[in-house]
PDB file of N, CA and C in Angstrom:
ATOM      1  N   MET A   1      38.543  -9.491  -3.420  1.00  0.00           N
ATOM      2  CA  MET A   1      38.267  -8.238  -4.077  1.00  0.00           C
ATOM      3  C   MET A   1      38.828  -8.289  -5.504  1.00  0.00           C
ATOM      4  N   LYS A   2      38.028  -7.837  -6.435  1.00  0.00           N
ATOM      5  CA  LYS A   2      38.418  -7.824  -7.830  1.00  0.00           C
ATOM      6  C   LYS A   2      39.199  -6.544  -8.128  1.00  0.00           C
ATOM      7  N   THR A   3      40.341  -6.695  -8.752  1.00  0.00           N
ATOM      8  CA  THR A   3      41.110  -5.514  -9.139  1.00  0.00           C
ATOM      9  C   THR A   3      41.000  -5.334 -10.642  1.00  0.00           C
ATOM     10  N   LYS A   4      40.737  -4.136 -11.033  1.00  0.00           N
ATOM     11  CA  LYS A   4      40.572  -3.811 -12.448  1.00  0.00           C
ATOM     12  C   LYS A   4      41.899  -3.286 -12.974  1.00  0.00           C
ATOM     13  N   GLN A   5      42.357  -3.879 -14.025  1.00  0.00           N
ATOM     14  CA  GLN A   5      43.589  -3.423 -14.656  1.00  0.00           C
ATOM     15  C   GLN A   5      43.237  -2.509 -15.821  1.00  0.00           C
ATOM     16  N   TYR A   6      43.891  -1.386 -15.896  1.00  0.00           N
ATOM     17  CA  TYR A   6      43.667  -0.433 -16.978  1.00  0.00           C
ATOM     18  C   TYR A   6      44.844  -0.491 -17.931  1.00  0.00           C
ATOM     19  N   THR A   7      44.568  -0.250 -19.174  1.00  0.00           N
ATOM     20  CA  THR A   7      45.646  -0.251 -20.154  1.00  0.00           C
ATOM     21  C   THR A   7      46.500   1.001 -19.971  1.00  0.00           C
ATOM     22  N   THR A   8      47.685   0.947 -20.498  1.00  0.00           N
ATOM     23  CA  THR A   8      48.572   2.113 -20.463  1.00  0.00           C
ATOM     24  C   THR A   8      47.907   3.290 -21.162  1.00  0.00           C
ATOM     25  N   GLU A   9      47.212   3.007 -22.261  1.00  0.00           N
ATOM     26  CA  GLU A   9      46.517   4.057 -23.006  1.00  0.00           C
ATOM     27  C   GLU A   9      45.415   4.693 -22.153  1.00  0.00           C
ATOM     28  N   GLN A  10      44.640   3.872 -21.435  1.00  0.00           N
ATOM     29  CA  GLN A  10      43.579   4.402 -20.573  1.00  0.00           C
ATOM     30  C   GLN A  10      44.160   5.259 -19.455  1.00  0.00           C
ATOM     31  N   GLU A  11      45.259   4.811 -18.869  1.00  0.00           N
ATOM     32  CA  GLU A  11      45.893   5.584 -17.797  1.00  0.00           C
ATOM     33  C   GLU A  11      46.444   6.905 -18.327  1.00  0.00           C
ATOM     34  N   GLN A  12      47.033   6.876 -19.511  1.00  0.00           N
ATOM     35  CA  GLN A  12      47.623   8.091 -20.082  1.00  0.00           C
ATOM     36  C   GLN A  12      46.551   9.108 -20.445  1.00  0.00           C
ATOM     37  N   ILE A  13      45.478   8.664 -21.080  1.00  0.00           N
ATOM     38  CA  ILE A  13      44.421   9.607 -21.460  1.00  0.00           C
ATOM     39  C   ILE A  13      43.748  10.180 -20.218  1.00  0.00           C
ATOM     40  N   ALA A  14      43.618   9.377 -19.162  1.00  0.00           N
ATOM     41  CA  ALA A  14      43.043   9.878 -17.905  1.00  0.00           C
ATOM     42  C   ALA A  14      43.959  10.928 -17.281  1.00  0.00           C
ATOM     43  N   ARG A  15      45.263  10.713 -17.349  1.00  0.00           N
ATOM     44  CA  ARG A  15      46.229  11.684 -16.807  1.00  0.00           C
ATOM     45  C   ARG A  15      46.140  13.005 -17.576  1.00  0.00           C
ATOM     46  N   PHE A  16      46.053  12.916 -18.907  1.00  0.00           N
ATOM     47  CA  PHE A  16      45.908  14.128 -19.714  1.00  0.00           C
ATOM     48  C   PHE A  16      44.580  14.821 -19.412  1.00  0.00           C
ATOM     49  N   ALA A  17      43.502  14.042 -19.329  1.00  0.00           N
ATOM     50  CA  ALA A  17      42.177  14.622 -19.074  1.00  0.00           C
ATOM     51  C   ALA A  17      42.144  15.343 -17.733  1.00  0.00           C
ATOM     52  N   LYS A  18      42.755  14.754 -16.720  1.00  0.00           N
ATOM     53  CA  LYS A  18      42.802  15.398 -15.401  1.00  0.00           C
ATOM     54  C   LYS A  18      43.539  16.734 -15.497  1.00  0.00           C
ATOM     55  N   ALA A  19      44.657  16.741 -16.215  1.00  0.00           N
ATOM     56  CA  ALA A  19      45.436  17.975 -16.354  1.00  0.00           C
ATOM     57  C   ALA A  19      44.652  19.047 -17.109  1.00  0.00           C
ATOM     58  N   LEU A  20      43.796  18.640 -18.030  1.00  0.00           N
ATOM     59  CA  LEU A  20      43.001  19.588 -18.812  1.00  0.00           C
ATOM     60  C   LEU A  20      41.749  20.043 -18.076  1.00  0.00           C
ATOM     61  N   GLY A  21      41.503  19.474 -16.893  1.00  0.00           N
ATOM     62  CA  GLY A  21      40.243  19.671 -16.193  1.00  0.00           C
ATOM     63  C   GLY A  21      40.087  20.937 -15.378  1.00  0.00           C
ATOM     64  N   HIS A  22      40.838  21.971 -15.655  1.00  0.00           N
ATOM     65  CA  HIS A  22      40.674  23.241 -14.937  1.00  0.00           C
ATOM     66  C   HIS A  22      40.844  24.385 -15.934  1.00  0.00           C
ATOM     67  N   PRO A  23      39.967  25.394 -15.879  1.00  0.00           N
ATOM     68  CA  PRO A  23      40.064  26.493 -16.853  1.00  0.00           C
ATOM     69  C   PRO A  23      41.399  27.237 -16.822  1.00  0.00           C
ATOM     70  N   ALA A  24      42.025  27.352 -15.664  1.00  0.00           N
ATOM     71  CA  ALA A  24      43.326  28.040 -15.597  1.00  0.00           C
ATOM     72  C   ALA A  24      44.387  27.243 -16.353  1.00  0.00           C
ATOM     73  N   ARG A  25      44.342  25.920 -16.235  1.00  0.00           N
ATOM     74  CA  ARG A  25      45.316  25.096 -16.959  1.00  0.00           C
ATOM     75  C   ARG A  25      45.052  25.156 -18.463  1.00  0.00           C
ATOM     76  N   MET A  26      43.793  25.222 -18.840  1.00  0.00           N
ATOM     77  CA  MET A  26      43.470  25.378 -20.262  1.00  0.00           C
ATOM     78  C   MET A  26      43.994  26.723 -20.770  1.00  0.00           C
ATOM     79  N   ALA A  27      43.831  27.774 -19.978  1.00  0.00           N
ATOM     80  CA  ALA A  27      44.332  29.100 -20.369  1.00  0.00           C
ATOM     81  C   ALA A  27      45.849  29.079 -20.521  1.00  0.00           C
ATOM     82  N   ILE A  28      46.530  28.401 -19.610  1.00  0.00           N
ATOM     83  CA  ILE A  28      47.992  28.286 -19.693  1.00  0.00           C
ATOM     84  C   ILE A  28      48.383  27.566 -20.978  1.00  0.00           C
ATOM     85  N   LEU A  29      47.730  26.450 -21.261  1.00  0.00           N
ATOM     86  CA  LEU A  29      48.064  25.685 -22.463  1.00  0.00           C
ATOM     87  C   LEU A  29      47.785  26.483 -23.734  1.00  0.00           C
ATOM     88  N   ILE A  30      46.658  27.159 -23.774  1.00  0.00           N
ATOM     89  CA  ILE A  30      46.330  27.974 -24.947  1.00  0.00           C
ATOM     90  C   ILE A  30      47.385  29.065 -25.136  1.00  0.00           C
ATOM     91  N   PHE A  31      47.791  29.697 -24.039  1.00  0.00           N
ATOM     92  CA  PHE A  31      48.835  30.721 -24.100  1.00  0.00           C
ATOM     93  C   PHE A  31      50.146  30.122 -24.620  1.00  0.00           C
ATOM     94  N   LEU A  32      50.523  28.959 -24.091  1.00  0.00           N
ATOM     95  CA  LEU A  32      51.789  28.338 -24.492  1.00  0.00           C
ATOM     96  C   LEU A  32      51.774  27.851 -25.937  1.00  0.00           C
ATOM     97  N   THR A  33      50.610  27.460 -26.448  1.00  0.00           N
ATOM     98  CA  THR A  33      50.557  26.998 -27.841  1.00  0.00           C
ATOM     99  C   THR A  33      50.815  28.130 -28.828  1.00  0.00           C
ATOM    100  N   LYS A  34      50.727  29.354 -28.358  1.00  0.00           N
ATOM    101  CA  LYS A  34      50.936  30.513 -29.233  1.00  0.00           C
ATOM    102  C   LYS A  34      52.361  31.061 -29.151  1.00  0.00           C
ATOM    103  N   GLN A  35      53.238  30.399 -28.387  1.00  0.00           N
ATOM    104  CA  GLN A  35      54.623  30.841 -28.216  1.00  0.00           C
ATOM    105  C   GLN A  35      55.568  29.656 -28.456  1.00  0.00           C
ATOM    106  N   GLU A  36      56.797  29.966 -28.736  1.00  0.00           N
ATOM    107  CA  GLU A  36      57.823  28.920 -28.746  1.00  0.00           C
ATOM    108  C   GLU A  36      58.112  28.498 -27.307  1.00  0.00           C
ATOM    109  N   SER A  37      58.245  29.496 -26.450  1.00  0.00           N
ATOM    110  CA  SER A  37      58.448  29.270 -25.014  1.00  0.00           C
ATOM    111  C   SER A  37      58.205  30.600 -24.314  1.00  0.00           C
ATOM    112  N   CYS A  38      58.017  30.548 -22.997  1.00  0.00           N
ATOM    113  CA  CYS A  38      57.865  31.790 -22.244  1.00  0.00           C
ATOM    114  C   CYS A  38      58.215  31.547 -20.783  1.00  0.00           C
ATOM    115  N   TYR A  39      58.422  32.621 -20.083  1.00  0.00           N
ATOM    116  CA  TYR A  39      58.812  32.554 -18.681  1.00  0.00           C
ATOM    117  C   TYR A  39      57.592  32.587 -17.770  1.00  0.00           C
ATOM    118  N   PHE A  40      57.804  32.126 -16.549  1.00  0.00           N
ATOM    119  CA  PHE A  40      56.741  32.087 -15.548  1.00  0.00           C
ATOM    120  C   PHE A  40      56.025  33.432 -15.450  1.00  0.00           C
ATOM    121  N   GLY A  41      56.784  34.511 -15.399  1.00  0.00           N
ATOM    122  CA  GLY A  41      56.194  35.847 -15.257  1.00  0.00           C
ATOM    123  C   GLY A  41      55.250  36.194 -16.396  1.00  0.00           C
ATOM    124  N   ASP A  42      55.593  35.755 -17.614  1.00  0.00           N
ATOM    125  CA  ASP A  42      54.719  35.993 -18.767  1.00  0.00           C
ATOM    126  C   ASP A  42      53.386  35.270 -18.590  1.00  0.00           C
ATOM    127  N   ILE A  43      53.455  34.043 -18.093  1.00  0.00           N
ATOM    128  CA  ILE A  43      52.239  33.252 -17.871  1.00  0.00           C
ATOM    129  C   ILE A  43      51.409  33.892 -16.770  1.00  0.00           C
ATOM    130  N   HIS A  44      52.066  34.281 -15.683  1.00  0.00           N
ATOM    131  CA  HIS A  44      51.349  34.881 -14.553  1.00  0.00           C
ATOM    132  C   HIS A  44      50.620  36.155 -14.974  1.00  0.00           C
ATOM    133  N   GLU A  45      51.249  36.958 -15.823  1.00  0.00           N
ATOM    134  CA  GLU A  45      50.623  38.205 -16.288  1.00  0.00           C
ATOM    135  C   GLU A  45      49.344  37.950 -17.086  1.00  0.00           C
ATOM    136  N   GLU A  46      49.230  36.784 -17.694  1.00  0.00           N
ATOM    137  CA  GLU A  46      48.060  36.449 -18.514  1.00  0.00           C
ATOM    138  C   GLU A  46      46.868  35.974 -17.690  1.00  0.00           C
ATOM    139  N   LEU A  47      47.111  35.563 -16.455  1.00  0.00           N
ATOM    140  CA  LEU A  47      46.056  34.949 -15.643  1.00  0.00           C
ATOM    141  C   LEU A  47      45.695  35.807 -14.438  1.00  0.00           C
ATOM    142  N   PRO A  48      44.418  35.857 -14.095  1.00  0.00           N
ATOM    143  CA  PRO A  48      43.973  36.664 -12.949  1.00  0.00           C
ATOM    144  C   PRO A  48      44.042  35.885 -11.633  1.00  0.00           C
ATOM    145  N   ILE A  49      45.148  35.169 -11.417  1.00  0.00           N
ATOM    146  CA  ILE A  49      45.284  34.361 -10.196  1.00  0.00           C
ATOM    147  C   ILE A  49      46.661  34.574  -9.573  1.00  0.00           C
ATOM    148  N   ALA A  50      46.785  34.172  -8.320  1.00  0.00           N
ATOM    149  CA  ALA A  50      48.029  34.359  -7.568  1.00  0.00           C
ATOM    150  C   ALA A  50      49.178  33.541  -8.162  1.00  0.00           C
ATOM    151  N   LYS A  51      50.396  34.013  -7.935  1.00  0.00           N
ATOM    152  CA  LYS A  51      51.588  33.315  -8.426  1.00  0.00           C
ATOM    153  C   LYS A  51      51.651  31.880  -7.921  1.00  0.00           C
ATOM    154  N   ALA A  52      51.316  31.684  -6.648  1.00  0.00           N
ATOM    155  CA  ALA A  52      51.360  30.332  -6.078  1.00  0.00           C
ATOM    156  C   ALA A  52      50.383  29.407  -6.796  1.00  0.00           C
ATOM    157  N   THR A  53      49.234  29.940  -7.168  1.00  0.00           N
ATOM    158  CA  THR A  53      48.233  29.141  -7.874  1.00  0.00           C
ATOM    159  C   THR A  53      48.708  28.819  -9.286  1.00  0.00           C
ATOM    160  N   VAL A  54      49.326  29.785  -9.953  1.00  0.00           N
ATOM    161  CA  VAL A  54      49.901  29.535 -11.278  1.00  0.00           C
ATOM    162  C   VAL A  54      50.941  28.425 -11.171  1.00  0.00           C
ATOM    163  N   SER A  55      51.779  28.486 -10.150  1.00  0.00           N
ATOM    164  CA  SER A  55      52.805  27.458  -9.947  1.00  0.00           C
ATOM    165  C   SER A  55      52.190  26.076  -9.785  1.00  0.00           C
ATOM    166  N   GLN A  56      51.107  25.985  -9.026  1.00  0.00           N
ATOM    167  CA  GLN A  56      50.434  24.695  -8.827  1.00  0.00           C
ATOM    168  C   GLN A  56      49.892  24.159 -10.151  1.00  0.00           C
ATOM    169  N   HIS A  57      49.299  25.030 -10.948  1.00  0.00           N
ATOM    170  CA  HIS A  57      48.760  24.591 -12.236  1.00  0.00           C
ATOM    171  C   HIS A  57      49.882  24.179 -13.194  1.00  0.00           C
ATOM    172  N   LEU A  58      50.979  24.909 -13.195  1.00  0.00           N
ATOM    173  CA  LEU A  58      52.122  24.534 -14.031  1.00  0.00           C
ATOM    174  C   LEU A  58      52.674  23.177 -13.612  1.00  0.00           C
ATOM    175  N   LYS A  59      52.732  22.932 -12.312  1.00  0.00           N
ATOM    176  CA  LYS A  59      53.205  21.638 -11.808  1.00  0.00           C
ATOM    177  C   LYS A  59      52.302  20.509 -12.284  1.00  0.00           C
ATOM    178  N   GLU A  60      51.001  20.712 -12.221  1.00  0.00           N
ATOM    179  CA  GLU A  60      50.044  19.694 -12.673  1.00  0.00           C
ATOM    180  C   GLU A  60      50.232  19.393 -14.165  1.00  0.00           C
ATOM    181  N   LEU A  61      50.401  20.435 -14.962  1.00  0.00           N
ATOM    182  CA  LEU A  61      50.606  20.252 -16.398  1.00  0.00           C
ATOM    183  C   LEU A  61      51.942  19.582 -16.695  1.00  0.00           C
ATOM    184  N   LYS A  62      52.954  19.944 -15.931  1.00  0.00           N
ATOM    185  CA  LYS A  62      54.277  19.344 -16.107  1.00  0.00           C
ATOM    186  C   LYS A  62      54.260  17.879 -15.682  1.00  0.00           C
ATOM    187  N   ASP A  63      53.611  17.580 -14.555  1.00  0.00           N
ATOM    188  CA  ASP A  63      53.513  16.193 -14.080  1.00  0.00           C
ATOM    189  C   ASP A  63      52.776  15.308 -15.082  1.00  0.00           C
ATOM    190  N   ALA A  64      51.799  15.881 -15.782  1.00  0.00           N
ATOM    191  CA  ALA A  64      51.055  15.127 -16.796  1.00  0.00           C
ATOM    192  C   ALA A  64      51.863  14.983 -18.090  1.00  0.00           C
ATOM    193  N   GLY A  65      52.943  15.755 -18.199  1.00  0.00           N
ATOM    194  CA  GLY A  65      53.793  15.669 -19.376  1.00  0.00           C
ATOM    195  C   GLY A  65      53.371  16.551 -20.535  1.00  0.00           C
ATOM    196  N   LEU A  66      52.397  17.431 -20.315  1.00  0.00           N
ATOM    197  CA  LEU A  66      51.931  18.288 -21.403  1.00  0.00           C
ATOM    198  C   LEU A  66      52.841  19.487 -21.642  1.00  0.00           C
ATOM    199  N   ILE A  67      53.566  19.909 -20.607  1.00  0.00           N
ATOM    200  CA  ILE A  67      54.523  21.002 -20.760  1.00  0.00           C
ATOM    201  C   ILE A  67      55.861  20.569 -20.179  1.00  0.00           C
ATOM    202  N   GLN A  68      56.872  21.330 -20.489  1.00  0.00           N
ATOM    203  CA  GLN A  68      58.184  21.110 -19.883  1.00  0.00           C
ATOM    204  C   GLN A  68      58.750  22.457 -19.478  1.00  0.00           C
ATOM    205  N   GLY A  69      59.601  22.417 -18.476  1.00  0.00           N
ATOM    206  CA  GLY A  69      60.208  23.639 -17.978  1.00  0.00           C
ATOM    207  C   GLY A  69      61.715  23.511 -17.960  1.00  0.00           C
ATOM    208  N   GLU A  70      62.369  24.628 -18.183  1.00  0.00           N
ATOM    209  CA  GLU A  70      63.826  24.666 -18.189  1.00  0.00           C
ATOM    210  C   GLU A  70      64.266  25.824 -17.309  1.00  0.00           C
ATOM    211  N   ILE A  71      65.119  25.537 -16.352  1.00  0.00           N
ATOM    212  CA  ILE A  71      65.579  26.578 -15.435  1.00  0.00           C
ATOM    213  C   ILE A  71      66.686  27.382 -16.100  1.00  0.00           C
ATOM    214  N   GLU A  72      66.453  28.674 -16.171  1.00  0.00           N
ATOM    215  CA  GLU A  72      67.464  29.630 -16.627  1.00  0.00           C
ATOM    216  C   GLU A  72      67.600  30.629 -15.491  1.00  0.00           C
ATOM    217  N   THR A  73      68.405  30.292 -14.507  1.00  0.00           N
ATOM    218  CA  THR A  73      68.507  31.041 -13.264  1.00  0.00           C
ATOM    219  C   THR A  73      68.503  32.537 -13.527  1.00  0.00           C
ATOM    220  N   PRO A  74      67.671  33.299 -12.861  1.00  0.00           N
ATOM    221  CA  PRO A  74      66.750  32.920 -11.786  1.00  0.00           C
ATOM    222  C   PRO A  74      65.338  32.612 -12.284  1.00  0.00           C
ATOM    223  N   LYS A  75      65.164  32.395 -13.586  1.00  0.00           N
ATOM    224  CA  LYS A  75      63.829  32.207 -14.148  1.00  0.00           C
ATOM    225  C   LYS A  75      63.617  30.768 -14.603  1.00  0.00           C
ATOM    226  N   VAL A  76      62.331  30.430 -14.817  1.00  0.00           N
ATOM    227  CA  VAL A  76      61.985  29.141 -15.410  1.00  0.00           C
ATOM    228  C   VAL A  76      61.221  29.420 -16.699  1.00  0.00           C
ATOM    229  N   LYS A  77      61.670  28.775 -17.763  1.00  0.00           N
ATOM    230  CA  LYS A  77      61.054  28.932 -19.078  1.00  0.00           C
ATOM    231  C   LYS A  77      60.208  27.686 -19.358  1.00  0.00           C
ATOM    232  N   TYR A  78      58.981  27.886 -19.854  1.00  0.00           N
ATOM    233  CA  TYR A  78      58.066  26.780 -20.125  1.00  0.00           C
ATOM    234  C   TYR A  78      57.715  26.725 -21.605  1.00  0.00           C
ATOM    235  N   CYS A  79      57.415  25.509 -22.058  1.00  0.00           N
ATOM    236  CA  CYS A  79      56.924  25.310 -23.417  1.00  0.00           C
ATOM    237  C   CYS A  79      56.113  24.019 -23.462  1.00  0.00           C
ATOM    238  N   ILE A  80      55.393  23.844 -24.559  1.00  0.00           N
ATOM    239  CA  ILE A  80      54.624  22.626 -24.781  1.00  0.00           C
ATOM    240  C   ILE A  80      55.601  21.470 -24.987  1.00  0.00           C
ATOM    241  N   ASN A  81      55.325  20.329 -24.368  1.00  0.00           N
ATOM    242  CA  ASN A  81      56.093  19.113 -24.633  1.00  0.00           C
ATOM    243  C   ASN A  81      55.513  18.528 -25.922  1.00  0.00           C
ATOM    244  N   ARG A  82      56.168  18.773 -27.028  1.00  0.00           N
ATOM    245  CA  ARG A  82      55.608  18.442 -28.346  1.00  0.00           C
ATOM    246  C   ARG A  82      55.317  16.952 -28.516  1.00  0.00           C
ATOM    247  N   GLU A  83      56.164  16.104 -27.994  1.00  0.00           N
ATOM    248  CA  GLU A  83      55.956  14.654 -28.121  1.00  0.00           C
ATOM    249  C   GLU A  83      54.675  14.221 -27.403  1.00  0.00           C
ATOM    250  N   ASN A  84      54.506  14.657 -26.163  1.00  0.00           N
ATOM    251  CA  ASN A  84      53.305  14.287 -25.414  1.00  0.00           C
ATOM    252  C   ASN A  84      52.067  15.020 -25.916  1.00  0.00           C
ATOM    253  N   TRP A  85      52.249  16.214 -26.455  1.00  0.00           N
ATOM    254  CA  TRP A  85      51.125  16.961 -27.033  1.00  0.00           C
ATOM    255  C   TRP A  85      50.545  16.156 -28.199  1.00  0.00           C
ATOM    256  N   GLU A  86      51.427  15.632 -29.036  1.00  0.00           N
ATOM    257  CA  GLU A  86      50.990  14.815 -30.173  1.00  0.00           C
ATOM    258  C   GLU A  86      50.345  13.514 -29.684  1.00  0.00           C
ATOM    259  N   LEU A  87      50.912  12.909 -28.649  1.00  0.00           N
ATOM    260  CA  LEU A  87      50.320  11.697 -28.074  1.00  0.00           C
ATOM    261  C   LEU A  87      48.917  11.986 -27.551  1.00  0.00           C
ATOM    262  N   ALA A  88      48.747  13.090 -26.841  1.00  0.00           N
ATOM    263  CA  ALA A  88      47.427  13.462 -26.312  1.00  0.00           C
ATOM    264  C   ALA A  88      46.440  13.673 -27.459  1.00  0.00           C
ATOM    265  N   ARG A  89      46.874  14.340 -28.508  1.00  0.00           N
ATOM    266  CA  ARG A  89      46.008  14.569 -29.669  1.00  0.00           C
ATOM    267  C   ARG A  89      45.537  13.243 -30.261  1.00  0.00           C
ATOM    268  N   LYS A  90      46.459  12.310 -30.437  1.00  0.00           N
ATOM    269  CA  LYS A  90      46.111  11.002 -31.005  1.00  0.00           C
ATOM    270  C   LYS A  90      45.174  10.225 -30.084  1.00  0.00           C
ATOM    271  N   LEU A  91      45.466  10.230 -28.789  1.00  0.00           N
ATOM    272  CA  LEU A  91      44.628   9.491 -27.840  1.00  0.00           C
ATOM    273  C   LEU A  91      43.209  10.043 -27.792  1.00  0.00           C
ATOM    274  N   PHE A  92      43.074  11.362 -27.701  1.00  0.00           N
ATOM    275  CA  PHE A  92      41.738  11.960 -27.640  1.00  0.00           C
ATOM    276  C   PHE A  92      40.992  11.799 -28.964  1.00  0.00           C
ATOM    277  N   THR A  93      41.694  11.934 -30.083  1.00  0.00           N
ATOM    278  CA  THR A  93      41.057  11.739 -31.389  1.00  0.00           C
ATOM    279  C   THR A  93      40.525  10.314 -31.500  1.00  0.00           C
ATOM    280  N   GLY A  94      41.330   9.346 -31.094  1.00  0.00           N
ATOM    281  CA  GLY A  94      40.893   7.952 -31.117  1.00  0.00           C
ATOM    282  C   GLY A  94      39.737   7.700 -30.177  1.00  0.00           C
ATOM    283  N   PHE A  95      39.821   8.247 -28.985  1.00  0.00           N
ATOM    284  CA  PHE A  95      38.773   8.063 -27.981  1.00  0.00           C
ATOM    285  C   PHE A  95      37.441   8.613 -28.473  1.00  0.00           C
ATOM    286  N   PHE A  96      37.426   9.851 -28.945  1.00  0.00           N
ATOM    287  CA  PHE A  96      36.179  10.457 -29.405  1.00  0.00           C
ATOM    288  C   PHE A  96      35.699   9.834 -30.714  1.00  0.00           C
ATOM    289  N   GLY A  97      36.623   9.328 -31.516  1.00  0.00           N
ATOM    290  CA  GLY A  97      36.256   8.704 -32.779  1.00  0.00           C
ATOM    291  C   GLY A  97      35.620   7.334 -32.625  1.00  0.00           C
ATOM    292  N   GLU A  98      35.745   6.720 -31.451  1.00  0.00           N
ATOM    293  CA  GLU A  98      35.197   5.384 -31.227  1.00  0.00           C
ATOM    294  C   GLU A  98      33.710   5.374 -30.911  1.00  0.00           C
ATOM    295  N   CYS A  99      33.090   6.516 -30.765  1.00  0.00           N
ATOM    296  CA  CYS A  99      31.667   6.581 -30.431  1.00  0.00           C
ATOM    297  C   CYS A  99      30.836   5.938 -31.538  1.00  0.00           C
ATOM    298  N   LYS A 100      29.953   5.013 -31.157  1.00  0.00           N
ATOM    299  CA  LYS A 100      29.125   4.294 -32.129  1.00  0.00           C
ATOM    300  C   LYS A 100      27.876   5.067 -32.529  1.00  0.00           C
ATOM    301  N   CYS A 101      27.465   6.027 -31.724  1.00  0.00           N
ATOM    302  CA  CYS A 101      26.232   6.767 -32.036  1.00  0.00           C
ATOM    303  C   CYS A 101      26.590   8.158 -32.551  1.00  0.00           C
ATOM    304  N   LYS A 102      27.203   8.180 -33.703  1.00  0.00           N
ATOM    305  CA  LYS A 102      27.698   9.436 -34.267  1.00  0.00           C
ATOM    306  C   LYS A 102      26.605  10.309 -34.868  1.00  0.00           C
ATOM    307  N   ASP A 103      25.584   9.691 -35.451  1.00  0.00           N
ATOM    308  CA  ASP A 103      24.570  10.466 -36.161  1.00  0.00           C
ATOM    309  C   ASP A 103      23.348  10.809 -35.326  1.00  0.00           C
ATOM    310  N   THR A 104      23.091  10.044 -34.286  1.00  0.00           N
ATOM    311  CA  THR A 104      21.909  10.284 -33.459  1.00  0.00           C
ATOM    312  C   THR A 104      22.285  10.224 -31.994  1.00  0.00           C
ATOM    313  N   SER A 105      21.397  10.710 -31.172  1.00  0.00           N
ATOM    314  CA  SER A 105      21.607  10.630 -29.731  1.00  0.00           C
ATOM    315  C   SER A 105      21.371   9.199 -29.274  1.00  0.00           C
ATOM    316  N   CYS A 106      22.152   8.733 -28.333  1.00  0.00           N
ATOM    317  CA  CYS A 106      21.993   7.377 -27.792  1.00  0.00           C
ATOM    318  C   CYS A 106      20.639   7.210 -27.109  1.00  0.00           C
ATOM    319  N   CYS A 107      20.071   8.282 -26.636  1.00  0.00           N
ATOM    320  CA  CYS A 107      18.849   8.218 -25.829  1.00  0.00           C
ATOM    321  C   CYS A 107      17.573   8.381 -26.650  1.00  0.00           C
ATOM    322  N   GLU A 108      17.688   8.577 -27.941  1.00  0.00           N
ATOM    323  CA  GLU A 108      16.476   8.774 -28.762  1.00  0.00           C
ATOM    324  C   GLU A 108      15.845   7.455 -29.110  1.00  0.00           C
TER     325      GLU A 108
END
């Protein structure tokens, strides 16, 4: 069986893309980009979904490294992980910039 090896860059961009792949996670990220930081309750108030679901989405974003959380008992404060945010920006910019058919459709 042939095993395909992926580059670190390919694995990282796939991890970011997966984390961005749900509208609730996009809403969370958009909300967080407009604040220095905020608490779980602030995020939950912005979304029309259950607290448990918000927690799952925050975990996915945190696992991907796009956000970070800090426990301030009894609350958790979240913010954008600026280092990984910049890495994601560079990776996606490079990925989309590599398209060879920029002026016309590939299928024309």
